[in-house]
C-alpha atoms as a PDB file:
ATOM      1  CA  GLN A   1      -0.673 -45.705  36.395  1.00  0.00           C
ATOM      2  CA  LEU A   2      -1.965 -45.412  33.061  1.00  0.00           C
ATOM      3  CA  ARG A   3      -3.665 -42.422  31.696  1.00  0.00           C
ATOM      4  CA  LEU A   4      -6.211 -42.171  28.841  1.00  0.00           C
ATOM      5  CA  THR A   5      -7.845 -39.212  27.320  1.00  0.00           C
ATOM      6  CA  GLU A   6     -11.693 -39.273  26.590  1.00  0.00           C
ATOM      7  CA  GLU A   7     -10.680 -40.187  23.245  1.00  0.00           C
ATOM      8  CA  GLU A   8      -8.520 -42.957  24.028  1.00  0.00           C
ATOM      9  CA  LYS A   9     -10.880 -44.271  26.226  1.00  0.00           C
ATOM     10  CA  ARG A  10     -14.178 -44.084  23.354  1.00  0.00           C
ATOM     11  CA  LEU A  11     -11.805 -45.954  20.573  1.00  0.00           C
ATOM     12  CA  LEU A  12     -10.511 -48.615  23.189  1.00  0.00           C
ATOM     13  CA  ALA A  13     -14.574 -49.121  23.898  1.00  0.00           C
ATOM     14  CA  GLN A  14     -15.644 -49.339  20.524  1.00  0.00           C
ATOM     15  CA  GLU A  15     -12.755 -52.072  20.212  1.00  0.00           C
ATOM     16  CA  GLY A  16     -14.377 -53.647  22.774  1.00  0.00           C
ATOM     17  CA  VAL A  17     -11.154 -53.738  24.843  1.00  0.00           C
ATOM     18  CA  THR A  18     -10.438 -52.591  28.668  1.00  0.00           C
ATOM     19  CA  LEU A  19      -6.531 -51.633  29.712  1.00  0.00           C
ATOM     20  CA  PRO A  20      -5.881 -52.260  33.132  1.00  0.00           C
ATOM     21  CA  GLY A  21      -5.112 -49.061  35.215  1.00  0.00           C
ATOM     22  CA  ASP A  22      -1.779 -49.782  35.902  1.00  0.00           C
ATOM     23  CA  LEU A  23       1.335 -50.415  34.225  1.00  0.00           C
ATOM     24  CA  PRO A  24       3.512 -52.488  32.520  1.00  0.00           C
ATOM     25  CA  LEU A  25       1.263 -53.205  29.805  1.00  0.00           C
ATOM     26  CA  THR A  26       1.413 -56.509  27.748  1.00  0.00           C
ATOM     27  CA  GLN A  27       2.780 -56.536  24.309  1.00  0.00           C
ATOM     28  CA  ALA A  28      -0.631 -57.082  23.068  1.00  0.00           C
ATOM     29  CA  GLU A  29      -2.074 -54.263  25.110  1.00  0.00           C
ATOM     30  CA  GLU A  30       0.629 -52.224  24.042  1.00  0.00           C
ATOM     31  CA  ARG A  31       0.227 -52.555  20.456  1.00  0.00           C
ATOM     32  CA  LEU A  32      -3.406 -52.009  21.086  1.00  0.00           C
ATOM     33  CA  LEU A  33      -2.855 -48.653  22.876  1.00  0.00           C
ATOM     34  CA  LYS A  34      -0.593 -47.855  19.857  1.00  0.00           C
ATOM     35  CA  LYS A  35      -2.912 -48.683  17.157  1.00  0.00           C
ATOM     36  CA  VAL A  36      -5.413 -46.445  19.241  1.00  0.00           C
ATOM     37  CA  ARG A  37      -3.084 -43.344  19.615  1.00  0.00           C
ATOM     38  CA  ARG A  38      -2.248 -43.926  15.933  1.00  0.00           C
ATOM     39  CA  LYS A  39      -5.654 -43.384  14.874  1.00  0.00           C
ATOM     40  CA  ILE A  40      -6.722 -40.381  16.757  1.00  0.00           C
ATOM     41  CA  ARG A  41      -3.319 -38.642  15.334  1.00  0.00           C
ATOM     42  CA  ASN A  42      -4.615 -39.688  11.920  1.00  0.00           C
ATOM     43  CA  LYS A  43      -8.105 -38.344  12.632  1.00  0.00           C
ATOM     44  CA  GLN A  44      -6.603 -34.952  13.644  1.00  0.00           C
ATOM     45  CA  SER A  45      -4.244 -35.021  10.725  1.00  0.00           C
ATOM     46  CA  ALA A  46      -7.118 -35.701   8.593  1.00  0.00           C
ATOM     47  CA  GLN A  47      -9.345 -32.789  10.430  1.00  0.00           C
ATOM     48  CA  ASP A  48      -5.992 -30.690   9.898  1.00  0.00           C
ATOM     49  CA  SER A  49      -5.641 -31.237   6.174  1.00  0.00           C
ATOM     50  CA  ARG A  50      -9.388 -30.706   5.566  1.00  0.00           C
ATOM     51  CA  ARG A  51      -9.048 -27.246   7.607  1.00  0.00           C
ATOM     52  CA  ARG A  52      -6.088 -26.177   5.309  1.00  0.00           C
ATOM     53  CA  LYS A  53      -7.679 -27.347   2.231  1.00  0.00           C
ATOM     54  CA  LYS A  54     -10.962 -25.309   3.075  1.00  0.00           C
ATOM     55  CA  GLU A  55      -8.588 -21.923   4.100  1.00  0.00           C
ATOM     56  CA  TYR A  56      -7.026 -22.453   0.675  1.00  0.00           C
ATOM     57  CA  LEU A  57     -10.207 -22.421  -1.006  1.00  0.00           C
ATOM     58  CA  ASP A  58     -11.485 -19.795   0.542  1.00  0.00           C
ATOM     59  CA  GLY A  59      -8.518 -17.774  -0.048  1.00  0.00           C
ATOM     60  CA  LEU A  60      -8.803 -18.824  -3.881  1.00  0.00           C
ATOM     61  CA  GLU A  61     -12.301 -17.887  -4.086  1.00  0.00           C
ATOM     62  CA  SER A  62     -11.862 -14.671  -2.922  1.00  0.00           C
ATOM     63  CA  ARG A  63      -8.979 -13.635  -4.751  1.00  0.00           C
ATOM     64  CA  ALA A  64     -11.222 -14.967  -7.617  1.00  0.00           C
ATOM     65  CA  ALA A  65     -14.063 -12.521  -6.729  1.00  0.00           C
ATOM     66  CA  ALA A  66     -11.337  -9.683  -6.242  1.00  0.00           C
ATOM     67  CA  CYS A  67      -9.771 -10.532  -9.819  1.00  0.00           C
ATOM     68  CA  SER A  68     -13.366 -10.608 -11.263  1.00  0.00           C
ATOM     69  CA  ALA A  69     -14.028  -7.429  -9.794  1.00  0.00           C
ATOM     70  CA  LEU A  70     -11.311  -5.777 -11.187  1.00  0.00           C
ATOM     71  CA  ASN A  71     -11.782  -7.324 -14.604  1.00  0.00           C
ATOM     72  CA  GLN A  72     -15.158  -5.492 -14.624  1.00  0.00           C
ATOM     73  CA  GLU A  73     -13.805  -2.015 -13.443  1.00  0.00           C
ATOM     74  CA  LEU A  74     -11.108  -2.722 -16.262  1.00  0.00           C
ATOM     75  CA  ARG A  75     -13.991  -3.662 -19.167  1.00  0.00           C
ATOM     76  CA  LYS A  76     -16.045  -0.648 -18.102  1.00  0.00           C
ATOM     77  CA  LYS A  77     -12.995   2.247 -18.477  1.00  0.00           C
ATOM     78  CA  VAL A  78     -12.083   0.021 -21.884  1.00  0.00           C
ATOM     79  CA  GLN A  79     -15.424   0.904 -23.157  1.00  0.00           C
ATOM     80  CA  GLU A  80     -15.269   4.822 -21.950  1.00  0.00           C
ATOM     81  CA  LEU A  81     -11.777   5.028 -23.678  1.00  0.00           C
ATOM     82  CA  GLU A  82     -12.723   3.180 -26.799  1.00  0.00           C
ATOM     83  CA  LYS A  83     -15.774   5.810 -26.503  1.00  0.00           C
ATOM     84  CA  SER A  84     -13.549   8.843 -25.931  1.00  0.00           C
ATOM     85  CA  ASN A  85     -10.961   7.694 -28.537  1.00  0.00           C
ATOM     86  CA  GLY A  86     -14.042   7.050 -31.159  1.00  0.00           C
ATOM     87  CA  SER A  87     -15.367  10.881 -30.634  1.00  0.00           C
ATOM     88  CA  LEU A  88     -11.791  12.041 -30.681  1.00  0.00           C
ATOM     89  CA  LEU A  89     -11.255  10.373 -34.027  1.00  0.00           C
ATOM     90  CA  ARG A  90     -14.381  11.846 -35.082  1.00  0.00           C
ATOM     91  CA  GLN A  91     -13.422  15.533 -34.146  1.00  0.00           C
ATOM     92  CA  LEU A  92     -10.188  14.961 -35.868  1.00  0.00           C
ATOM     93  CA  GLN A  93     -11.649  13.647 -39.197  1.00  0.00           C
ATOM     94  CA  ALA A  94     -14.147  16.784 -39.220  1.00  0.00           C
ATOM     95  CA  LEU A  95     -11.071  19.528 -38.802  1.00  0.00           C
ATOM     96  CA  ILE A  96      -8.876  17.739 -41.773  1.00  0.00           C
ATOM     97  CA  LYS A  97     -11.892  17.499 -43.910  1.00  0.00           C
ATOM     98  CA  GLU A  98     -12.523  21.384 -42.703  1.00  0.00           C
ATOM     99  CA  THR A  99      -8.729  22.173 -43.513  1.00  0.00           C
ATOM    100  CA  SER A 100      -8.927  20.340 -46.711  1.00  0.00           C
ATOM    101  CA  THR A 101     -11.740  22.349 -48.319  1.00  0.00           C
ATOM    102  CA  LYS A 102     -10.274  25.818 -47.410  1.00  0.00           C
ATOM    103  CA  PRO A 103      -8.173  27.484 -50.665  1.00  0.00           C
ATOM    104  CA  ALA A 104      -4.563  27.711 -49.865  1.00  0.00           C
ATOM    105  CA  GLN A 105      -3.549  31.304 -48.060  1.00  0.00           C
ATOM    106  CA  THR A 106      -0.462  33.055 -49.654  1.00  0.00           C
ATOM    107  CA  GLY A 107       1.735  34.682 -47.589  1.00  0.00           C
ATOM    108  CA  THR A 108       4.718  36.915 -47.774  1.00  0.00           C
ATOM    109  CA  CYS A 109       7.679  36.242 -45.848  1.00  0.00           C
ATOM    110  CA  VAL A 110       9.773  39.502 -44.980  1.00  0.00           C
ATOM    111  CA  LEU A 111      13.555  38.595 -43.893  1.00  0.00           C
ATOM    112  CA  VAL A 112      15.021  41.696 -42.034  1.00  0.00           C
END
């Protein structure tokens, strides 16, 4: 006895063909059944491909969002470090200026 899935029955009905319920099938009927089954496999394969592509794109989007967030954090840290660096540079320049304006002190060194 020939067993068909609902999808196979639906596609056969679309083709306007009815297959007998018992085996064996004629060559034309077998070709038609193979064609219908191939269509079903192709449809399933296309669905799987679209699903995999969507998962891949979702993964890329989440990675891009994570990289963007990290980039923002790093930019903020760079700004803070540049600000700190500028402040330290001003302090150093003030110290250099302060020490250069003082007269040189002389000292005595005693060797024992």
